């Protein structure tokens, strides 16, 4: 962020995990500033006990800061707010790996 000092860390307030298929899932994490990040982990079942081999973090959008995030199976993101209106968003697509 342009207005935030580089030495100041980003505080993640909420995380929501969504399971897409048997071994494929992603998480959405919202910062204290409202930035929503998509976090994808790559597992390798060949490792002893299974293990994470790669992690990708992409900036998804900036939304009003909420108390909770919830993803429905129909592709909707519900953001519950403590002081303002609750918001409901629909995903157009969530595959951001190809995005610049």
PDB file of N, CA and C in Angstrom:
ATOM      1  N   UNK A   1       0.833  -1.181   0.000  1.00  0.00           N
ATOM      2  CA  UNK A   1       0.000   0.000   0.000  1.00  0.00           C
ATOM      3  C   UNK A   1       0.873   1.239   0.000  1.00  0.00           C
ATOM      4  N   UNK A   2       0.465   2.222  -0.745  1.00  0.00           N
ATOM      5  CA  UNK A   2       1.272   3.426  -0.905  1.00  0.00           C
ATOM      6  C   UNK A   2       1.343   4.253   0.381  1.00  0.00           C
ATOM      7  N   UNK A   3       0.269   4.288   1.149  1.00  0.00           N
ATOM      8  CA  UNK A   3       0.236   5.131   2.344  1.00  0.00           C
ATOM      9  C   UNK A   3       0.736   4.425   3.597  1.00  0.00           C
ATOM     10  N   UNK A   4       0.960   3.128   3.527  1.00  0.00           N
ATOM     11  CA  UNK A   4       1.427   2.376   4.692  1.00  0.00           C
ATOM     12  C   UNK A   4       2.945   2.257   4.656  1.00  0.00           C
ATOM     13  N   UNK A   5       3.617   2.528   5.771  1.00  0.00           N
ATOM     14  CA  UNK A   5       5.077   2.389   5.797  1.00  0.00           C
ATOM     15  C   UNK A   5       5.499   0.957   5.498  1.00  0.00           C
ATOM     16  N   UNK A   6       6.601   0.808   4.757  1.00  0.00           N
ATOM     17  CA  UNK A   6       7.073  -0.521   4.368  1.00  0.00           C
ATOM     18  C   UNK A   6       7.505  -1.344   5.571  1.00  0.00           C
ATOM     19  N   UNK A   7       7.945  -0.697   6.636  1.00  0.00           N
ATOM     20  CA  UNK A   7       8.403  -1.419   7.820  1.00  0.00           C
ATOM     21  C   UNK A   7       7.245  -1.932   8.672  1.00  0.00           C
ATOM     22  N   UNK A   8       6.032  -1.439   8.434  1.00  0.00           N
ATOM     23  CA  UNK A   8       4.873  -1.861   9.224  1.00  0.00           C
ATOM     24  C   UNK A   8       4.278  -3.129   8.611  1.00  0.00           C
ATOM     25  N   UNK A   9       4.154  -4.201   9.380  1.00  0.00           N
ATOM     26  CA  UNK A   9       3.641  -5.451   8.824  1.00  0.00           C
ATOM     27  C   UNK A   9       2.129  -5.396   8.579  1.00  0.00           C
ATOM     28  N   UNK A  10       1.653  -6.307   7.759  1.00  0.00           N
ATOM     29  CA  UNK A  10       0.227  -6.424   7.473  1.00  0.00           C
ATOM     30  C   UNK A  10      -0.372  -7.418   8.460  1.00  0.00           C
ATOM     31  N   UNK A  11      -1.456  -7.027   9.103  1.00  0.00           N
ATOM     32  CA  UNK A  11      -2.134  -7.888  10.072  1.00  0.00           C
ATOM     33  C   UNK A  11      -3.316  -8.559   9.388  1.00  0.00           C
ATOM     34  N   UNK A  12      -3.307  -9.887   9.354  1.00  0.00           N
ATOM     35  CA  UNK A  12      -4.427 -10.651   8.792  1.00  0.00           C
ATOM     36  C   UNK A  12      -5.448 -10.864   9.897  1.00  0.00           C
ATOM     37  N   UNK A  13      -6.691 -10.449   9.644  1.00  0.00           N
ATOM     38  CA  UNK A  13      -7.730 -10.546  10.665  1.00  0.00           C
ATOM     39  C   UNK A  13      -8.601 -11.780  10.512  1.00  0.00           C
ATOM     40  N   UNK A  14      -8.923 -12.153   9.278  1.00  0.00           N
ATOM     41  CA  UNK A  14      -9.853 -13.256   9.065  1.00  0.00           C
ATOM     42  C   UNK A  14      -9.346 -14.147   7.937  1.00  0.00           C
ATOM     43  N   UNK A  15      -9.573 -15.443   8.083  1.00  0.00           N
ATOM     44  CA  UNK A  15      -9.221 -16.416   7.059  1.00  0.00           C
ATOM     45  C   UNK A  15     -10.411 -17.337   6.862  1.00  0.00           C
ATOM     46  N   UNK A  16     -10.721 -17.634   5.613  1.00  0.00           N
ATOM     47  CA  UNK A  16     -11.806 -18.546   5.265  1.00  0.00           C
ATOM     48  C   UNK A  16     -11.260 -19.555   4.258  1.00  0.00           C
ATOM     49  N   UNK A  17     -11.450 -20.846   4.511  1.00  0.00           N
ATOM     50  CA  UNK A  17     -10.936 -21.897   3.645  1.00  0.00           C
ATOM     51  C   UNK A  17     -12.095 -22.520   2.879  1.00  0.00           C
ATOM     52  N   UNK A  18     -11.885 -22.751   1.574  1.00  0.00           N
ATOM     53  CA  UNK A  18     -12.915 -23.354   0.726  1.00  0.00           C
ATOM     54  C   UNK A  18     -12.324 -24.554   0.007  1.00  0.00           C
ATOM     55  N   UNK A  19     -12.988 -25.690   0.126  1.00  0.00           N
ATOM     56  CA  UNK A  19     -12.546 -26.917  -0.534  1.00  0.00           C
ATOM     57  C   UNK A  19     -13.243 -27.038  -1.883  1.00  0.00           C
ATOM     58  N   UNK A  20     -12.449 -27.053  -2.976  1.00  0.00           N
ATOM     59  CA  UNK A  20     -13.015 -27.125  -4.318  1.00  0.00           C
ATOM     60  C   UNK A  20     -13.246 -28.571  -4.754  1.00  0.00           C
ATOM     61  N   UNK A  21     -12.215 -29.375  -4.651  1.00  0.00           N
ATOM     62  CA  UNK A  21     -12.293 -30.775  -5.052  1.00  0.00           C
ATOM     63  C   UNK A  21     -11.638 -31.602  -3.964  1.00  0.00           C
ATOM     64  N   UNK A  22     -11.418 -32.883  -4.243  1.00  0.00           N
ATOM     65  CA  UNK A  22     -10.904 -33.786  -3.218  1.00  0.00           C
ATOM     66  C   UNK A  22      -9.626 -33.287  -2.567  1.00  0.00           C
ATOM     67  N   UNK A  23      -8.621 -32.915  -3.338  1.00  0.00           N
ATOM     68  CA  UNK A  23      -7.352 -32.469  -2.779  1.00  0.00           C
ATOM     69  C   UNK A  23      -7.007 -31.039  -3.181  1.00  0.00           C
ATOM     70  N   UNK A  24      -7.999 -30.259  -3.584  1.00  0.00           N
ATOM     71  CA  UNK A  24      -7.748 -28.899  -4.043  1.00  0.00           C
ATOM     72  C   UNK A  24      -8.600 -27.929  -3.231  1.00  0.00           C
ATOM     73  N   UNK A  25      -7.934 -26.925  -2.669  1.00  0.00           N
ATOM     74  CA  UNK A  25      -8.659 -25.922  -1.915  1.00  0.00           C
ATOM     75  C   UNK A  25      -7.871 -24.620  -1.938  1.00  0.00           C
ATOM     76  N   UNK A  26      -8.522 -23.551  -1.488  1.00  0.00           N
ATOM     77  CA  UNK A  26      -7.854 -22.263  -1.359  1.00  0.00           C
ATOM     78  C   UNK A  26      -8.410 -21.566  -0.125  1.00  0.00           C
ATOM     79  N   UNK A  27      -7.715 -20.534   0.302  1.00  0.00           N
ATOM     80  CA  UNK A  27      -8.151 -19.744   1.449  1.00  0.00           C
ATOM     81  C   UNK A  27      -8.191 -18.282   1.051  1.00  0.00           C
ATOM     82  N   UNK A  28      -9.105 -17.554   1.634  1.00  0.00           N
ATOM     83  CA  UNK A  28      -9.155 -16.109   1.492  1.00  0.00           C
ATOM     84  C   UNK A  28      -8.794 -15.511   2.841  1.00  0.00           C
ATOM     85  N   UNK A  29      -7.884 -14.556   2.834  1.00  0.00           N
ATOM     86  CA  UNK A  29      -7.441 -13.890   4.060  1.00  0.00           C
ATOM     87  C   UNK A  29      -7.660 -12.397   3.901  1.00  0.00           C
ATOM     88  N   UNK A  30      -8.273 -11.767   4.915  1.00  0.00           N
ATOM     89  CA  UNK A  30      -8.523 -10.330   4.859  1.00  0.00           C
ATOM     90  C   UNK A  30      -7.634  -9.618   5.871  1.00  0.00           C
ATOM     91  N   UNK A  31      -6.994  -8.550   5.412  1.00  0.00           N
ATOM     92  CA  UNK A  31      -6.115  -7.769   6.283  1.00  0.00           C
ATOM     93  C   UNK A  31      -6.930  -6.717   7.033  1.00  0.00           C
ATOM     94  N   UNK A  32      -6.269  -6.052   7.970  1.00  0.00           N
ATOM     95  CA  UNK A  32      -6.914  -5.002   8.757  1.00  0.00           C
ATOM     96  C   UNK A  32      -7.302  -3.797   7.904  1.00  0.00           C
ATOM     97  N   UNK A  33      -6.727  -3.702   6.697  1.00  0.00           N
ATOM     98  CA  UNK A  33      -7.040  -2.603   5.785  1.00  0.00           C
ATOM     99  C   UNK A  33      -8.145  -2.951   4.795  1.00  0.00           C
ATOM    100  N   UNK A  34      -8.600  -4.214   4.807  1.00  0.00           N
ATOM    101  CA  UNK A  34      -9.663  -4.643   3.914  1.00  0.00           C
ATOM    102  C   UNK A  34      -9.177  -5.382   2.684  1.00  0.00           C
ATOM    103  N   UNK A  35      -7.864  -5.489   2.488  1.00  0.00           N
ATOM    104  CA  UNK A  35      -7.345  -6.230   1.338  1.00  0.00           C
ATOM    105  C   UNK A  35      -7.626  -7.714   1.514  1.00  0.00           C
ATOM    106  N   UNK A  36      -8.140  -8.353   0.456  1.00  0.00           N
ATOM    107  CA  UNK A  36      -8.447  -9.782   0.492  1.00  0.00           C
ATOM    108  C   UNK A  36      -7.438 -10.493  -0.397  1.00  0.00           C
ATOM    109  N   UNK A  37      -6.763 -11.486   0.168  1.00  0.00           N
ATOM    110  CA  UNK A  37      -5.734 -12.253  -0.527  1.00  0.00           C
ATOM    111  C   UNK A  37      -6.215 -13.682  -0.729  1.00  0.00           C
ATOM    112  N   UNK A  38      -5.905 -14.235  -1.891  1.00  0.00           N
ATOM    113  CA  UNK A  38      -6.160 -15.653  -2.149  1.00  0.00           C
ATOM    114  C   UNK A  38      -4.864 -16.403  -1.849  1.00  0.00           C
ATOM    115  N   UNK A  39      -4.951 -17.416  -0.988  1.00  0.00           N
ATOM    116  CA  UNK A  39      -3.795 -18.214  -0.593  1.00  0.00           C
ATOM    117  C   UNK A  39      -4.020 -19.634  -1.092  1.00  0.00           C
ATOM    118  N   UNK A  40      -3.082 -20.123  -1.913  1.00  0.00           N
ATOM    119  CA  UNK A  40      -3.163 -21.476  -2.450  1.00  0.00           C
ATOM    120  C   UNK A  40      -1.931 -22.255  -2.008  1.00  0.00           C
ATOM    121  N   UNK A  41      -2.155 -23.454  -1.461  1.00  0.00           N
ATOM    122  CA  UNK A  41      -1.068 -24.332  -1.039  1.00  0.00           C
ATOM    123  C   UNK A  41      -0.996 -25.528  -1.973  1.00  0.00           C
ATOM    124  N   UNK A  42       0.222 -25.937  -2.327  1.00  0.00           N
ATOM    125  CA  UNK A  42       0.440 -27.119  -3.163  1.00  0.00           C
ATOM    126  C   UNK A  42       1.013 -28.211  -2.274  1.00  0.00           C
ATOM    127  N   UNK A  43       0.347 -29.368  -2.265  1.00  0.00           N
ATOM    128  CA  UNK A  43       0.768 -30.499  -1.452  1.00  0.00           C
ATOM    129  C   UNK A  43       1.481 -31.530  -2.293  1.00  0.00           C
ATOM    130  N   UNK A  44       2.399 -32.239  -1.676  1.00  0.00           N
ATOM    131  CA  UNK A  44       3.071 -33.361  -2.311  1.00  0.00           C
ATOM    132  C   UNK A  44       2.847 -34.584  -1.428  1.00  0.00           C
ATOM    133  N   UNK A  45       2.036 -35.506  -1.892  1.00  0.00           N
ATOM    134  CA  UNK A  45       1.704 -36.698  -1.109  1.00  0.00           C
ATOM    135  C   UNK A  45       2.874 -37.672  -1.027  1.00  0.00           C
ATOM    136  N   UNK A  46       3.882 -37.465  -1.870  1.00  0.00           N
ATOM    137  CA  UNK A  46       5.061 -38.337  -1.858  1.00  0.00           C
ATOM    138  C   UNK A  46       5.927 -38.085  -0.623  1.00  0.00           C
ATOM    139  N   UNK A  47       5.859 -36.894  -0.067  1.00  0.00           N
ATOM    140  CA  UNK A  47       6.632 -36.587   1.135  1.00  0.00           C
ATOM    141  C   UNK A  47       6.065 -37.367   2.319  1.00  0.00           C
ATOM    142  N   UNK A  48       6.897 -37.631   3.284  1.00  0.00           N
ATOM    143  CA  UNK A  48       6.466 -38.392   4.451  1.00  0.00           C
ATOM    144  C   UNK A  48       5.371 -37.627   5.194  1.00  0.00           C
ATOM    145  N   UNK A  49       4.198 -38.243   5.290  1.00  0.00           N
ATOM    146  CA  UNK A  49       3.071 -37.602   5.955  1.00  0.00           C
ATOM    147  C   UNK A  49       2.403 -36.518   5.117  1.00  0.00           C
ATOM    148  N   UNK A  50       2.847 -36.335   3.884  1.00  0.00           N
ATOM    149  CA  UNK A  50       2.316 -35.262   3.047  1.00  0.00           C
ATOM    150  C   UNK A  50       2.870 -33.929   3.504  1.00  0.00           C
ATOM    151  N   UNK A  51       3.114 -33.049   2.596  1.00  0.00           N
ATOM    152  CA  UNK A  51       3.691 -31.770   2.989  1.00  0.00           C
ATOM    153  C   UNK A  51       3.434 -30.694   1.960  1.00  0.00           C
ATOM    154  N   UNK A  52       3.546 -29.465   2.390  1.00  0.00           N
ATOM    155  CA  UNK A  52       3.358 -28.322   1.509  1.00  0.00           C
ATOM    156  C   UNK A  52       4.677 -28.055   0.793  1.00  0.00           C
ATOM    157  N   UNK A  53       4.606 -27.985  -0.545  1.00  0.00           N
ATOM    158  CA  UNK A  53       5.807 -27.728  -1.338  1.00  0.00           C
ATOM    159  C   UNK A  53       5.825 -26.323  -1.919  1.00  0.00           C
ATOM    160  N   UNK A  54       4.667 -25.678  -1.991  1.00  0.00           N
ATOM    161  CA  UNK A  54       4.610 -24.350  -2.593  1.00  0.00           C
ATOM    162  C   UNK A  54       3.408 -23.598  -2.046  1.00  0.00           C
ATOM    163  N   UNK A  55       3.533 -22.274  -1.970  1.00  0.00           N
ATOM    164  CA  UNK A  55       2.439 -21.421  -1.528  1.00  0.00           C
ATOM    165  C   UNK A  55       2.387 -20.206  -2.444  1.00  0.00           C
ATOM    166  N   UNK A  56       1.182 -19.868  -2.913  1.00  0.00           N
ATOM    167  CA  UNK A  56       0.969 -18.723  -3.773  1.00  0.00           C
ATOM    168  C   UNK A  56      -0.015 -17.784  -3.096  1.00  0.00           C
ATOM    169  N   UNK A  57       0.331 -16.496  -3.041  1.00  0.00           N
ATOM    170  CA  UNK A  57      -0.553 -15.495  -2.463  1.00  0.00           C
ATOM    171  C   UNK A  57      -0.811 -14.436  -3.524  1.00  0.00           C
ATOM    172  N   UNK A  58      -2.094 -14.183  -3.796  1.00  0.00           N
ATOM    173  CA  UNK A  58      -2.489 -13.194  -4.806  1.00  0.00           C
ATOM    174  C   UNK A  58      -3.463 -12.201  -4.179  1.00  0.00           C
ATOM    175  N   UNK A  59      -3.325 -10.920  -4.514  1.00  0.00           N
ATOM    176  CA  UNK A  59      -4.278  -9.914  -4.059  1.00  0.00           C
ATOM    177  C   UNK A  59      -5.551 -10.071  -4.875  1.00  0.00           C
ATOM    178  N   UNK A  60      -6.657 -10.297  -4.199  1.00  0.00           N
ATOM    179  CA  UNK A  60      -7.932 -10.515  -4.882  1.00  0.00           C
ATOM    180  C   UNK A  60      -8.687  -9.201  -5.069  1.00  0.00           C
ATOM    181  N   UNK A  61      -8.915  -8.482  -3.973  1.00  0.00           N
ATOM    182  CA  UNK A  61      -9.676  -7.240  -4.034  1.00  0.00           C
ATOM    183  C   UNK A  61      -9.567  -6.534  -2.682  1.00  0.00           C
ATOM    184  N   UNK A  62     -10.064  -5.318  -2.606  1.00  0.00           N
ATOM    185  CA  UNK A  62     -10.169  -4.608  -1.341  1.00  0.00           C
ATOM    186  C   UNK A  62     -11.647  -4.434  -1.033  1.00  0.00           C
ATOM    187  N   UNK A  63     -12.069  -4.973   0.098  1.00  0.00           N
ATOM    188  CA  UNK A  63     -13.469  -4.955   0.516  1.00  0.00           C
ATOM    189  C   UNK A  63     -13.572  -4.272   1.873  1.00  0.00           C
ATOM    190  N   UNK A  64     -14.776  -3.860   2.255  1.00  0.00           N
ATOM    191  CA  UNK A  64     -14.927  -3.313   3.605  1.00  0.00           C
ATOM    192  C   UNK A  64     -14.507  -4.358   4.642  1.00  0.00           C
ATOM    193  N   UNK A  65     -13.839  -3.899   5.697  1.00  0.00           N
ATOM    194  CA  UNK A  65     -13.359  -4.822   6.726  1.00  0.00           C
ATOM    195  C   UNK A  65     -14.550  -5.478   7.410  1.00  0.00           C
ATOM    196  N   UNK A  66     -14.474  -6.797   7.546  1.00  0.00           N
ATOM    197  CA  UNK A  66     -15.583  -7.535   8.137  1.00  0.00           C
ATOM    198  C   UNK A  66     -15.165  -8.323   9.359  1.00  0.00           C
ATOM    199  N   UNK A  67     -16.157  -8.838  10.066  1.00  0.00           N
ATOM    200  CA  UNK A  67     -15.919  -9.711  11.219  1.00  0.00           C
ATOM    201  C   UNK A  67     -15.663 -11.135  10.793  1.00  0.00           C
ATOM    202  N   UNK A  68     -16.252 -11.542   9.676  1.00  0.00           N
ATOM    203  CA  UNK A  68     -16.127 -12.921   9.218  1.00  0.00           C
ATOM    204  C   UNK A  68     -16.278 -12.968   7.712  1.00  0.00           C
ATOM    205  N   UNK A  69     -15.636 -13.967   7.103  1.00  0.00           N
ATOM    206  CA  UNK A  69     -15.769 -14.253   5.677  1.00  0.00           C
ATOM    207  C   UNK A  69     -16.369 -15.641   5.543  1.00  0.00           C
ATOM    208  N   UNK A  70     -17.245 -15.820   4.571  1.00  0.00           N
ATOM    209  CA  UNK A  70     -17.847 -17.123   4.327  1.00  0.00           C
ATOM    210  C   UNK A  70     -18.026 -17.307   2.833  1.00  0.00           C
ATOM    211  N   UNK A  71     -17.567 -18.446   2.304  1.00  0.00           N
ATOM    212  CA  UNK A  71     -17.697 -18.759   0.882  1.00  0.00           C
ATOM    213  C   UNK A  71     -18.721 -19.873   0.740  1.00  0.00           C
ATOM    214  N   UNK A  72     -19.706 -19.672  -0.140  1.00  0.00           N
ATOM    215  CA  UNK A  72     -20.715 -20.697  -0.370  1.00  0.00           C
ATOM    216  C   UNK A  72     -20.317 -21.568  -1.563  1.00  0.00           C
ATOM    217  N   UNK A  73     -20.964 -22.717  -1.675  1.00  0.00           N
ATOM    218  CA  UNK A  73     -20.674 -23.628  -2.782  1.00  0.00           C
ATOM    219  C   UNK A  73     -21.134 -23.081  -4.126  1.00  0.00           C
ATOM    220  N   UNK A  74     -21.999 -22.083  -4.112  1.00  0.00           N
ATOM    221  CA  UNK A  74     -22.503 -21.496  -5.355  1.00  0.00           C
ATOM    222  C   UNK A  74     -21.627 -20.346  -5.850  1.00  0.00           C
ATOM    223  N   UNK A  75     -20.487 -20.097  -5.180  1.00  0.00           N
ATOM    224  CA  UNK A  75     -19.568 -19.066  -5.643  1.00  0.00           C
ATOM    225  C   UNK A  75     -19.855 -17.683  -5.115  1.00  0.00           C
ATOM    226  N   UNK A  76     -20.418 -17.604  -3.928  1.00  0.00           N
ATOM    227  CA  UNK A  76     -20.701 -16.314  -3.309  1.00  0.00           C
ATOM    228  C   UNK A  76     -19.790 -16.124  -2.108  1.00  0.00           C
ATOM    229  N   UNK A  77     -19.386 -14.878  -1.871  1.00  0.00           N
ATOM    230  CA  UNK A  77     -18.579 -14.511  -0.711  1.00  0.00           C
ATOM    231  C   UNK A  77     -19.412 -13.582   0.164  1.00  0.00           C
ATOM    232  N   UNK A  78     -19.654 -14.013   1.402  1.00  0.00           N
ATOM    233  CA  UNK A  78     -20.406 -13.206   2.359  1.00  0.00           C
ATOM    234  C   UNK A  78     -19.419 -12.579   3.329  1.00  0.00           C
ATOM    235  N   UNK A  79     -19.484 -11.249   3.473  1.00  0.00           N
ATOM    236  CA  UNK A  79     -18.628 -10.519   4.400  1.00  0.00           C
ATOM    237  C   UNK A  79     -19.532  -9.924   5.476  1.00  0.00           C
ATOM    238  N   UNK A  80     -19.422 -10.451   6.697  1.00  0.00           N
ATOM    239  CA  UNK A  80     -20.217  -9.946   7.818  1.00  0.00           C
ATOM    240  C   UNK A  80     -19.501  -8.758   8.442  1.00  0.00           C
ATOM    241  N   UNK A  81     -20.237  -7.709   8.686  1.00  0.00           N
ATOM    242  CA  UNK A  81     -19.655  -6.484   9.242  1.00  0.00           C
ATOM    243  C   UNK A  81     -20.233  -6.224  10.622  1.00  0.00           C
ATOM    244  N   UNK A  82     -19.382  -5.739  11.528  1.00  0.00           N
ATOM    245  CA  UNK A  82     -19.837  -5.463  12.888  1.00  0.00           C
ATOM    246  C   UNK A  82     -20.621  -4.163  12.960  1.00  0.00           C
ATOM    247  N   UNK A  83     -20.179  -3.130  12.245  1.00  0.00           N
ATOM    248  CA  UNK A  83     -20.786  -1.813  12.392  1.00  0.00           C
ATOM    249  C   UNK A  83     -21.570  -1.346  11.175  1.00  0.00           C
ATOM    250  N   UNK A  84     -21.313  -1.900   9.997  1.00  0.00           N
ATOM    251  CA  UNK A  84     -21.993  -1.437   8.791  1.00  0.00           C
ATOM    252  C   UNK A  84     -22.860  -2.523   8.195  1.00  0.00           C
ATOM    253  N   UNK A  85     -23.186  -2.349   6.926  1.00  0.00           N
ATOM    254  CA  UNK A  85     -23.999  -3.334   6.219  1.00  0.00           C
ATOM    255  C   UNK A  85     -23.174  -4.571   5.886  1.00  0.00           C
ATOM    256  N   UNK A  86     -23.825  -5.728   5.914  1.00  0.00           N
ATOM    257  CA  UNK A  86     -23.192  -6.956   5.443  1.00  0.00           C
ATOM    258  C   UNK A  86     -23.147  -6.899   3.918  1.00  0.00           C
ATOM    259  N   UNK A  87     -22.187  -7.593   3.307  1.00  0.00           N
ATOM    260  CA  UNK A  87     -22.036  -7.571   1.853  1.00  0.00           C
ATOM    261  C   UNK A  87     -21.985  -8.984   1.309  1.00  0.00           C
ATOM    262  N   UNK A  88     -22.529  -9.154   0.111  1.00  0.00           N
ATOM    263  CA  UNK A  88     -22.526 -10.431  -0.582  1.00  0.00           C
ATOM    264  C   UNK A  88     -21.965 -10.198  -1.979  1.00  0.00           C
ATOM    265  N   UNK A  89     -20.916 -10.949  -2.325  1.00  0.00           N
ATOM    266  CA  UNK A  89     -20.247 -10.803  -3.611  1.00  0.00           C
ATOM    267  C   UNK A  89     -20.297 -12.127  -4.352  1.00  0.00           C
ATOM    268  N   UNK A  90     -20.290 -12.052  -5.689  1.00  0.00           N
ATOM    269  CA  UNK A  90     -20.268 -13.262  -6.509  1.00  0.00           C
ATOM    270  C   UNK A  90     -18.951 -13.320  -7.270  1.00  0.00           C
ATOM    271  N   UNK A  91     -18.302 -14.496  -7.253  1.00  0.00           N
ATOM    272  CA  UNK A  91     -17.057 -14.686  -7.980  1.00  0.00           C
ATOM    273  C   UNK A  91     -17.346 -14.838  -9.462  1.00  0.00           C
ATOM    274  N   UNK A  92     -16.630 -14.086 -10.300  1.00  0.00           N
ATOM    275  CA  UNK A  92     -16.680 -14.322 -11.739  1.00  0.00           C
ATOM    276  C   UNK A  92     -15.761 -15.481 -12.078  1.00  0.00           C
ATOM    277  N   UNK A  93     -14.563 -15.462 -11.476  1.00  0.00           N
ATOM    278  CA  UNK A  93     -13.604 -16.559 -11.576  1.00  0.00           C
ATOM    279  C   UNK A  93     -12.638 -16.428 -10.419  1.00  0.00           C
ATOM    280  N   UNK A  94     -12.042 -17.527 -10.033  1.00  0.00           N
ATOM    281  CA  UNK A  94     -11.144 -17.505  -8.884  1.00  0.00           C
ATOM    282  C   UNK A  94      -9.757 -18.020  -9.251  1.00  0.00           C
ATOM    283  N   UNK A  95      -9.550 -18.416 -10.495  1.00  0.00           N
ATOM    284  CA  UNK A  95      -8.239 -18.930 -10.934  1.00  0.00           C
ATOM    285  C   UNK A  95      -7.341 -17.774 -11.312  1.00  0.00           C
ATOM    286  N   UNK A  96      -6.586 -17.267 -10.343  1.00  0.00           N
ATOM    287  CA  UNK A  96      -5.770 -16.077 -10.552  1.00  0.00           C
ATOM    288  C   UNK A  96      -4.323 -16.386 -10.868  1.00  0.00           C
ATOM    289  N   UNK A  97      -3.942 -17.640 -10.985  1.00  0.00           N
ATOM    290  CA  UNK A  97      -2.539 -17.975 -11.232  1.00  0.00           C
ATOM    291  C   UNK A  97      -2.042 -17.390 -12.552  1.00  0.00           C
ATOM    292  N   UNK A  98      -2.903 -17.269 -13.560  1.00  0.00           N
ATOM    293  CA  UNK A  98      -2.482 -16.756 -14.858  1.00  0.00           C
ATOM    294  C   UNK A  98      -2.498 -15.226 -14.902  1.00  0.00           C
ATOM    295  N   UNK A  99      -3.083 -14.603 -13.900  1.00  0.00           N
ATOM    296  CA  UNK A  99      -3.188 -13.153 -13.901  1.00  0.00           C
ATOM    297  C   UNK A  99      -1.818 -12.520 -13.692  1.00  0.00           C
ATOM    298  N   UNK A 100      -1.579 -11.346 -14.283  1.00  0.00           N
ATOM    299  CA  UNK A 100      -0.277 -10.687 -14.108  1.00  0.00           C
ATOM    300  C   UNK A 100      -0.089 -10.172 -12.690  1.00  0.00           C
TER     301      UNK A 100
END
